[in-house]
C-alpha atoms as a PDB file:
ATOM      1  CA  MET A   1      14.696  12.663   6.040  1.00  0.00           C
ATOM      2  CA  ARG A   2      12.039  10.244   7.321  1.00  0.00           C
ATOM      3  CA  THR A   3       9.867  10.674  10.474  1.00  0.00           C
ATOM      4  CA  LYS A   4       8.466   7.781  12.564  1.00  0.00           C
ATOM      5  CA  ASP A   5       4.947   8.304  10.741  1.00  0.00           C
ATOM      6  CA  GLY A   6       6.655   7.081   7.381  1.00  0.00           C
ATOM      7  CA  VAL A   7       7.027  10.207   5.888  1.00  0.00           C
ATOM      8  CA  ARG A   8       9.818  11.046   3.686  1.00  0.00           C
ATOM      9  CA  LEU A   9      10.918  14.743   3.022  1.00  0.00           C
ATOM     10  CA  ASN A  10      12.912  14.952   0.022  1.00  0.00           C
ATOM     11  CA  PRO A  11      15.814  17.469  -0.751  1.00  0.00           C
ATOM     12  CA  ASP A  12      13.784  18.944  -3.421  1.00  0.00           C
ATOM     13  CA  GLY A  13      10.713  19.953  -1.350  1.00  0.00           C
ATOM     14  CA  SER A  14       8.335  17.150  -2.061  1.00  0.00           C
ATOM     15  CA  ILE A  15       6.779  14.546   0.370  1.00  0.00           C
ATOM     16  CA  THR A  16       6.422  10.769   0.011  1.00  0.00           C
ATOM     17  CA  MET A  17       4.557   8.604   2.206  1.00  0.00           C
ATOM     18  CA  LYS A  18       4.581   4.692   3.154  1.00  0.00           C
ATOM     19  CA  LYS A  19       1.876   2.977   1.566  1.00  0.00           C
ATOM     20  CA  ASP A  20       0.564   1.072   4.511  1.00  0.00           C
ATOM     21  CA  ILE A  21       0.119   4.559   6.025  1.00  0.00           C
ATOM     22  CA  ILE A  22      -2.331   5.799   3.358  1.00  0.00           C
ATOM     23  CA  GLN A  23      -3.430   2.464   1.775  1.00  0.00           C
ATOM     24  CA  ASN A  24      -7.465   2.440   1.764  1.00  0.00           C
ATOM     25  CA  LYS A  25      -7.711   5.720   3.550  1.00  0.00           C
ATOM     26  CA  HIS A  26      -9.055   9.098   1.718  1.00  0.00           C
ATOM     27  CA  VAL A  27      -7.984  11.454   4.668  1.00  0.00           C
ATOM     28  CA  TRP A  28      -5.706  10.987   7.422  1.00  0.00           C
ATOM     29  CA  LYS A  29      -3.515  13.253   9.820  1.00  0.00           C
ATOM     30  CA  LEU A  30      -0.091  12.242  11.053  1.00  0.00           C
ATOM     31  CA  LYS A  31       0.702  12.035  14.549  1.00  0.00           C
ATOM     32  CA  SER A  32       3.816  13.831  14.822  1.00  0.00           C
ATOM     33  CA  TYR A  33       5.541  15.500  11.870  1.00  0.00           C
ATOM     34  CA  LEU A  34       3.333  17.805   9.842  1.00  0.00           C
ATOM     35  CA  LYS A  35       0.611  17.255  12.455  1.00  0.00           C
ATOM     36  CA  THR A  36      -1.156  20.570  11.253  1.00  0.00           C
ATOM     37  CA  TYR A  37      -2.118  19.404   8.040  1.00  0.00           C
ATOM     38  CA  PHE A  38      -4.663  16.922   6.860  1.00  0.00           C
ATOM     39  CA  PHE A  39      -3.922  14.921   3.810  1.00  0.00           C
ATOM     40  CA  PHE A  40      -6.448  13.652   1.092  1.00  0.00           C
ATOM     41  CA  SER A  41      -6.420  10.906  -1.316  1.00  0.00           C
ATOM     42  CA  ASP A  42      -6.079  11.898  -4.900  1.00  0.00           C
ATOM     43  CA  GLU A  43      -9.357  10.698  -5.717  1.00  0.00           C
ATOM     44  CA  LEU A  44     -11.357  12.653  -2.645  1.00  0.00           C
ATOM     45  CA  MET A  45      -9.339  15.732  -3.827  1.00  0.00           C
ATOM     46  CA  GLN A  46     -10.529  15.938  -7.017  1.00  0.00           C
ATOM     47  CA  ARG A  47     -14.207  15.150  -5.728  1.00  0.00           C
ATOM     48  CA  LEU A  48     -13.926  17.983  -3.533  1.00  0.00           C
ATOM     49  CA  LEU A  49     -12.795  20.239  -6.234  1.00  0.00           C
ATOM     50  CA  ASP A  50     -15.508  19.034  -8.700  1.00  0.00           C
ATOM     51  CA  ALA A  51     -18.028  19.813  -5.979  1.00  0.00           C
ATOM     52  CA  GLY A  52     -16.757  23.320  -6.232  1.00  0.00           C
ATOM     53  CA  ILE A  53     -15.446  23.410  -2.912  1.00  0.00           C
ATOM     54  CA  GLU A  54     -12.929  26.552  -2.517  1.00  0.00           C
ATOM     55  CA  GLY A  55      -9.847  27.293  -0.437  1.00  0.00           C
ATOM     56  CA  LEU A  56      -8.152  23.935  -0.750  1.00  0.00           C
ATOM     57  CA  ARG A  57      -4.459  23.703  -1.584  1.00  0.00           C
ATOM     58  CA  SER A  58      -2.920  20.592  -2.972  1.00  0.00           C
ATOM     59  CA  TYR A  59       0.351  19.189  -3.305  1.00  0.00           C
ATOM     60  CA  HIS A  60       0.698  15.941  -4.780  1.00  0.00           C
ATOM     61  CA  ALA A  61       2.796  13.143  -2.922  1.00  0.00           C
ATOM     62  CA  GLU A  62       4.111   9.712  -3.903  1.00  0.00           C
ATOM     63  CA  ASP A  63       4.053   6.855  -1.927  1.00  0.00           C
ATOM     64  CA  PHE A  64       6.885   4.416  -1.242  1.00  0.00           C
END
C-alpha cells in the first residue's frame, strides 16, 4: 500500500519511504498518513540515544 506521501506499508508491518522525501533531512513529519508521528534519521536517532534522551521508540524503515 502506498500513500501520497511516498510511504509504503508492507504486509509484514514494516515501512519504506521514498528517498526524495527523506534525503538530506534528519527530522520530518508526513502530511497525511501517520501524521501523528515524527520521523528521525538513523544518525539523529543514534545521537539522541547517545545523549541519554529517554522515552524514544525506534523502528527502522528502509527507503526506495
